[in-house]
Structure formats: structure tokens, C-alpha cells
Protein backbone atom coordinates (compact mmCIF):
# COMPACT_ATOMS: atom_id res chain seq x y z
CA SER A 1 122.79 102.47 102.35
CA TYR A 2 122.93 99.68 99.75
CA ALA A 3 126.30 101.00 98.57
CA PHE A 4 127.67 100.67 102.11
CA VAL A 5 126.40 97.11 102.36
CA GLN A 6 128.07 96.27 99.02
CA ARG A 7 131.37 97.62 100.36
CA GLY A 8 131.14 95.42 103.44
CA HIS A 9 129.82 98.05 105.86
CA VAL A 10 126.73 96.02 106.66
CA TYR A 11 126.05 97.45 110.12
CA PHE A 12 126.40 101.02 108.90
CA GLY A 13 124.14 100.31 105.92
CA ASP A 14 121.53 98.69 108.16
CA GLY A 15 121.78 101.64 110.53
CA LEU A 16 121.15 104.09 107.71
CA THR A 17 118.19 102.03 106.56
CA GLY A 18 116.79 102.03 110.09
CA LEU A 19 117.35 105.76 110.43
CA GLY A 20 115.60 106.36 107.11
CA GLY A 21 112.65 104.23 108.21
CA ALA A 22 112.44 106.03 111.55
CA ILE A 23 112.49 109.42 109.82
CA LEU A 24 109.70 108.29 107.49
CA TYR A 25 107.56 107.06 110.40
CA LEU A 26 108.17 110.30 112.31
CA SER A 27 107.41 112.45 109.26
CA LEU A 28 104.20 110.57 108.55
CA TRP A 29 103.12 110.78 112.16
CA ALA A 30 103.84 114.52 112.29
CA GLY A 31 102.08 115.16 108.98
CA GLY A 32 98.99 113.19 109.95
CA SER A 33 98.56 113.31 113.71
CA TYR A 34 100.36 116.49 114.70
CA TYR A 35 99.93 118.94 111.80
CA ARG A 36 96.79 117.30 110.34
CA LEU A 37 98.06 117.67 106.77
CA PHE A 38 96.39 114.40 105.77
CA SER A 39 93.93 111.93 107.25
CA SER A 40 94.80 109.17 109.66
CA THR A 41 93.87 106.68 106.93
CA VAL A 42 96.56 108.11 104.65
CA GLU A 43 99.00 108.19 107.56
CA PHE A 44 98.24 104.57 108.42
CA GLY A 45 98.51 103.39 104.82
CA ALA A 46 101.79 105.19 104.25
CA MET A 47 103.25 103.73 107.46
CA ALA A 48 102.16 100.26 106.31
CA VAL A 49 104.01 100.88 103.03
CA VAL A 50 107.15 101.88 104.97
CA THR A 51 106.86 98.67 107.00
CA ALA A 52 106.46 96.56 103.86
CA SER A 53 109.42 98.33 102.28
CA LEU A 54 111.64 97.65 105.28
CA LEU A 55 110.65 93.99 105.27
CA GLY A 56 111.32 93.82 101.52
CA MET A 57 114.75 95.39 101.99
CA ALA A 58 115.46 92.95 104.82
CA LEU A 59 114.73 90.03 102.53
CA GLY A 60 116.75 91.50 99.68
CA ARG A 61 119.77 92.08 101.91
CA ASN A 62 119.23 89.05 104.11
CA SER A 63 119.30 91.40 107.10
CA GLU A 64 117.61 90.27 110.28
CA ARG A 65 118.31 93.69 111.82
CA VAL A 66 116.35 95.53 109.13
CA ALA A 67 113.52 93.00 109.49
CA ALA A 68 113.45 93.69 113.24
CA LEU A 69 113.26 97.43 112.56
CA GLY A 70 110.40 96.82 110.13
CA MET A 71 108.64 94.72 112.75
CA ILE A 72 109.06 97.43 115.39
CA GLY A 73 107.76 100.08 112.99
CA GLY A 74 104.91 97.82 111.94
CA PHE A 75 103.76 97.22 115.48
CA THR A 76 104.24 100.87 116.40
CA THR A 77 102.03 102.06 113.54
CA PRO A 78 98.61 101.36 115.15
CA TRP A 79 99.72 103.07 118.34
CA LEU A 80 100.94 106.14 116.42
CA VAL A 81 97.72 106.57 114.43
CA SER A 82 95.33 105.62 117.23
CA THR A 83 92.41 107.94 117.84
CA GLY A 84 91.49 106.26 121.11
CA GLN A 85 88.32 104.87 119.54
CA ASP A 86 87.38 101.20 119.28
CA ALA A 87 88.60 99.84 115.94
CA GLN A 88 88.77 96.11 116.65
CA VAL A 89 88.40 94.83 113.11
CA ALA A 90 90.87 97.32 111.61
CA LEU A 91 93.44 96.84 114.39
CA PHE A 92 93.31 93.06 114.54
CA SER A 93 93.16 92.71 110.76
CA TYR A 94 96.28 94.83 110.46
CA VAL A 95 98.08 92.83 113.17
CA ALA A 96 97.07 89.58 111.46
CA VAL A 97 98.37 90.81 108.08
CA LEU A 98 101.59 92.01 109.71
CA ASN A 99 102.05 88.60 111.35
CA ALA A 100 101.21 86.90 108.05
CA ALA A 101 104.18 88.75 106.55
CA LEU A 102 106.57 88.45 109.50
CA LEU A 103 106.11 84.82 110.45
CA PRO A 104 106.84 83.27 107.03
CA ILE A 105 109.90 85.50 106.78
CA ALA A 106 111.00 84.34 110.25
CA ARG A 107 110.50 80.70 109.25
CA MET A 108 112.04 81.00 105.79
CA ARG A 109 115.19 82.77 107.00
CA ASP A 110 115.20 81.22 110.48
CA TRP A 111 115.20 84.68 112.06
CA ARG A 112 114.10 83.71 115.53
CA THR A 113 114.39 87.27 116.85
CA LEU A 114 111.15 88.17 115.05
CA GLU A 115 108.88 85.52 116.54
CA LEU A 116 108.77 86.20 120.27
CA PRO A 117 108.54 90.00 119.98
CA ALA A 118 105.79 89.63 117.35
CA PHE A 119 103.96 87.24 119.65
CA ALA A 120 104.38 89.52 122.67
CA LEU A 121 103.27 92.62 120.76
CA THR A 122 100.29 90.81 119.28
CA GLN A 123 99.28 89.76 122.79
CA LEU A 124 99.82 93.29 124.08
CA TYR A 125 97.50 94.76 121.44
CA PHE A 126 94.91 92.02 121.95
CA TRP A 127 94.73 92.25 125.72
CA THR A 128 94.95 96.05 125.79
CA TRP A 129 92.01 96.24 123.39
CA TYR A 130 90.17 93.57 125.39
CA ASP A 131 90.62 95.42 128.66
CA ARG A 132 89.45 98.71 127.20
CA PHE A 133 86.73 97.85 124.67
CA TYR A 134 85.51 94.27 124.99
CA ALA A 135 81.78 93.77 125.39
CA ALA A 136 79.64 90.62 125.20
CA ASP A 137 78.35 91.54 121.74
CA ARG A 138 81.94 91.28 120.47
CA LEU A 139 82.37 87.65 121.54
CA TRP A 140 82.37 86.09 118.06
CA SER A 141 84.68 88.60 116.39
CA THR A 142 87.04 88.55 119.37
CA ALA A 143 87.09 84.74 119.42
CA ALA A 144 87.71 84.68 115.64
CA PHE A 145 90.71 86.99 115.91
CA ALA A 146 92.08 85.14 118.96
CA THR A 147 91.82 81.89 116.98
CA LEU A 148 93.50 83.45 113.97
CA PHE A 149 96.41 84.68 116.10
CA PHE A 150 96.71 81.24 117.70
CA VAL A 151 96.78 79.52 114.32
CA GLN A 152 99.42 81.96 113.03
CA PHE A 153 101.85 81.43 115.89
CA ALA A 154 101.15 77.78 116.59
CA GLY A 155 101.33 77.00 112.87
CA LEU A 156 104.82 78.45 112.68
CA GLN A 157 105.97 76.35 115.62
CA VAL A 158 104.39 73.18 114.21
CA ALA A 159 105.94 73.79 110.78
CA ARG A 160 109.36 74.30 112.35
CA SER A 161 109.09 71.23 114.58
CA LEU A 162 108.07 69.10 111.57
CA ARG A 163 111.13 70.34 109.69
CA THR A 164 113.62 69.93 112.53
CA ALA A 165 111.94 67.02 114.38
CA LYS A 166 112.53 68.94 117.63
CA VAL A 167 110.46 71.19 119.84
CA ARG A 168 112.25 73.90 121.77
CA GLU A 169 110.99 75.22 125.10
CA ASP A 170 110.25 78.70 123.72
CA GLU A 171 108.25 77.16 120.84
CA LEU A 172 106.21 75.11 123.28
CA ALA A 173 105.61 78.18 125.43
CA VAL A 174 104.29 80.13 122.44
CA VAL A 175 101.89 77.34 121.51
CA LEU A 176 100.62 77.04 125.08
């Protein structure tokens, strides 16, 4: 796909990259969850590598579309490898690491299309887990992860507002 991008066929090259990423995610899911050829840990790790690769390609090509595909794949990964068991620390740690990669990229390249979906998907995972698995003995770990997510998203908005000396409505909504 890089050759197509070099020739000026950016959309086609990004489409091929997205298709390749989707095929890798599907193949890893089928190999791990459907056919049981390898463990869910291997499946999860390999999907995380695919996500990191897509984000790396997005940076190399300066392609917001490829970054968005990497973000979608990254947030889909826990759902694909889920066993239905409570894995708060693993799930929230992964989401925090994913956000720690996505949000600086969004700020550095000013790719605003990454922020709100990442925020919404982080909230979706948090509140879905909370509804299904939260218990009083999980108060401190849950509060720690909620604080971490707040700092990640609010920090991005504060950094941007310090740089631009403006606060947009969507940035204020995320912080609130």
C-alpha cells in the first residue's frame, strides 16, 4: 500500500492498509477464539501488535484514517478476546496504555477524530465493566482507573487549551 501512497493514491493505499489490518484481526480472532490454535493471551498480544503497527504506519504516513482504523482495532481487541470473566486490571490497563498512545498522537498531529471516539469507547468499557462486575471491594482499583482515565483525557484538553489559548465546547464537555 505504501507504493500506492507514493504514487498519489492515498485513499487506496489507506484502504489497503485498513483491509490488511482487518484481515489480521480476523485471522488472529479465528486462530485464538474460534479454532483454539493458540491461547487468548497470544491472541491479545498479537492484536495489540497489529494496533501498534497501524498507529506507527499512521504516523509514518501522516494518515488520520489509518490512525482511526488502528484505534477501532485497538478498542475492538478486548471485546474480541473476552472470556466473559472479570479482568478489571488487565482490561483497564490495556485501555489506559491504548489511550496513552492515541492521545499524544491526536495532540501532536491535531487529529481530533481520535479523541471523542477514544473517550466514548473508554467510557463504554468502564461503565459496562462497572455494571457487570463492580463490587465494594473493588472501590480503590476502580477509583484509581477512573482517575487515570480522567487525567488522560482532561490533560489532553488542558494541554491543547494552553497551546491555543481557547477552549472549545467539545473539549469542555470531555473534561466535565
